[in-house]
Protein backbone atom coordinates (compact mmCIF):
# COMPACT_ATOMS: atom_id res chain seq x y z
CA MET A 1 0.00 0.00 0.00
CA MET A 2 1.33 3.42 -0.96
CA ASN A 3 2.05 5.89 1.83
CA ALA A 4 -0.77 8.44 2.05
CA GLY A 5 0.47 11.72 0.61
CA SER A 6 3.43 10.20 -1.18
CA PHE A 7 4.51 11.50 -4.56
CA MET A 8 6.27 9.07 -6.84
CA GLN A 9 6.43 6.81 -3.79
CA THR A 10 8.46 9.37 -1.86
CA ASN A 11 8.60 9.36 1.91
CA ILE A 12 10.59 11.46 4.35
CA ASP A 13 13.43 8.89 4.45
CA ASP A 14 14.05 9.45 0.72
CA LEU A 15 15.14 13.06 1.25
CA THR A 16 18.86 12.28 1.42
CA GLU A 17 20.39 15.15 -0.55
CA ARG A 18 21.11 18.61 0.86
CA VAL A 19 20.14 21.44 -1.53
CA GLU A 20 20.12 25.22 -1.28
CA ILE A 21 17.50 27.45 -2.90
CA LEU A 22 19.17 30.54 -4.45
CA TYR A 23 17.68 33.78 -5.72
CA ASN A 24 18.67 37.33 -6.68
CA PRO A 25 16.77 39.94 -4.64
CA THR A 26 15.80 43.09 -6.54
CA THR A 27 15.65 46.70 -5.40
CA GLN A 28 14.39 49.84 -7.10
CA ASP A 29 16.51 52.82 -8.03
CA SER A 30 15.25 56.41 -7.82
CA ALA A 31 13.64 56.11 -11.28
CA GLY A 32 11.73 52.97 -10.28
CA ASN A 33 13.87 50.56 -12.32
CA LEU A 34 14.44 47.10 -10.85
CA ILE A 35 18.08 46.37 -10.06
CA PRO A 36 19.13 42.76 -9.40
CA GLY A 37 21.14 42.29 -6.23
CA ALA A 38 23.80 39.80 -5.24
CA GLU A 39 22.86 36.13 -5.06
CA ALA A 40 21.19 35.19 -1.77
CA SER A 41 19.85 32.01 -0.20
CA ARG A 42 16.23 31.25 0.68
CA GLY A 43 17.59 28.41 2.79
CA GLU A 44 18.82 24.85 2.72
CA CYS A 45 16.60 21.80 2.84
CA TRP A 46 16.67 18.05 2.38
CA ALA A 47 15.61 16.79 -1.03
CA LYS A 48 15.22 13.80 -3.29
CA VAL A 49 17.05 14.51 -6.56
CA LEU A 50 16.12 12.39 -9.57
CA PRO A 51 18.01 12.67 -12.86
CA LEU A 52 15.33 12.44 -15.56
CA SER A 53 17.08 12.71 -18.91
CA ALA A 54 19.78 14.36 -20.96
CA LYS A 55 19.13 16.29 -24.13
CA SER A 56 20.98 18.16 -26.81
CA ALA A 57 19.35 21.04 -28.68
CA GLU A 58 20.69 22.98 -31.65
CA ALA A 59 19.78 26.56 -32.48
CA TYR A 60 21.62 29.11 -34.60
CA ASN A 61 24.62 26.80 -35.10
CA GLU A 62 25.06 26.37 -31.34
CA THR A 63 24.45 23.24 -29.34
CA GLU A 64 23.13 23.26 -25.79
CA ASN A 65 23.57 20.08 -23.79
CA ALA A 66 21.38 19.83 -20.70
CA ILE A 67 20.59 17.32 -17.99
CA LEU A 68 17.06 17.42 -16.60
CA TYR A 69 16.37 16.76 -12.92
CA ARG A 70 13.31 16.52 -10.69
CA VAL A 71 13.95 17.80 -7.16
CA ILE A 72 11.40 16.94 -4.47
CA VAL A 73 11.41 18.84 -1.17
CA ARG A 74 8.99 19.17 1.70
CA TYR A 75 6.22 21.65 0.93
CA ARG A 76 7.41 25.26 0.52
CA MET A 77 5.51 28.31 -0.67
CA ASP A 78 8.48 30.68 -1.12
CA ILE A 79 10.11 29.25 -4.27
CA GLN A 80 9.85 31.52 -7.32
CA PRO A 81 10.24 30.56 -11.03
CA THR A 82 13.51 32.53 -11.26
CA ASP A 83 15.13 30.70 -8.33
CA ARG A 84 17.92 28.17 -8.72
CA VAL A 85 18.90 25.02 -6.83
CA SER A 86 22.47 24.44 -5.68
CA TRP A 87 23.27 20.73 -5.37
CA ARG A 88 26.65 18.97 -5.18
CA GLY A 89 28.46 21.98 -6.64
CA LYS A 90 25.98 22.28 -9.53
CA VAL A 91 23.52 25.08 -10.10
CA LEU A 92 20.21 23.90 -11.52
CA LYS A 93 17.78 26.34 -13.17
CA LEU A 94 14.05 25.86 -12.74
CA ILE A 95 12.41 25.13 -16.11
CA ALA A 96 8.87 25.36 -14.74
CA PRO A 97 7.26 26.95 -11.69
CA ALA A 98 7.51 24.90 -8.50
CA TYR A 99 4.30 23.00 -7.85
CA ASP A 100 2.52 21.32 -4.97
CA ALA A 101 2.49 17.62 -5.82
CA GLU A 102 -0.96 16.13 -5.39
CA SER A 103 -2.27 19.49 -4.05
CA ARG A 104 -1.93 18.23 -0.48
CA LYS A 105 0.81 20.57 0.82
CA ILE A 106 3.19 17.70 1.49
CA TRP A 107 5.78 17.86 -1.34
CA THR A 108 6.98 20.66 -3.62
CA VAL A 109 8.38 19.53 -6.97
CA LEU A 110 11.06 21.50 -8.83
CA ASP A 111 11.74 20.55 -12.44
CA CYS A 112 15.24 21.78 -13.24
CA LYS A 113 18.00 21.63 -15.82
CA GLU A 114 21.74 21.79 -15.66
CA VAL A 115 23.39 23.25 -18.75
CA VAL A 116 26.54 21.29 -19.55
CA GLU A 117 29.41 23.04 -21.31
CA ASN A 118 30.66 21.43 -24.53
CA ALA A 119 33.86 19.50 -24.01
């Protein structure tokens, strides 16, 4: 029987990776323009990190290689679409807004990508 409230059969014991949620706070100058600030942390949390796939895309004679990940954390409301996830020395960009898995306020899912430099 599946654990009530589990997403992709996730339970609290599966959160074995330490991740940090990063963002750039913005301020306004005297003209009202938004100015990005230095990188800051929303905090660290335990997560389940699942590599999903790798892809290669070509556009304008350039190739972008990316690895896609799904990061599952305990429910959080503060994650914005422009945030990033720091994990094992990698910085993962969100490719979709964070969402509440199963709409039960138990897990927040972050679909991310890591852009890999060409070798």
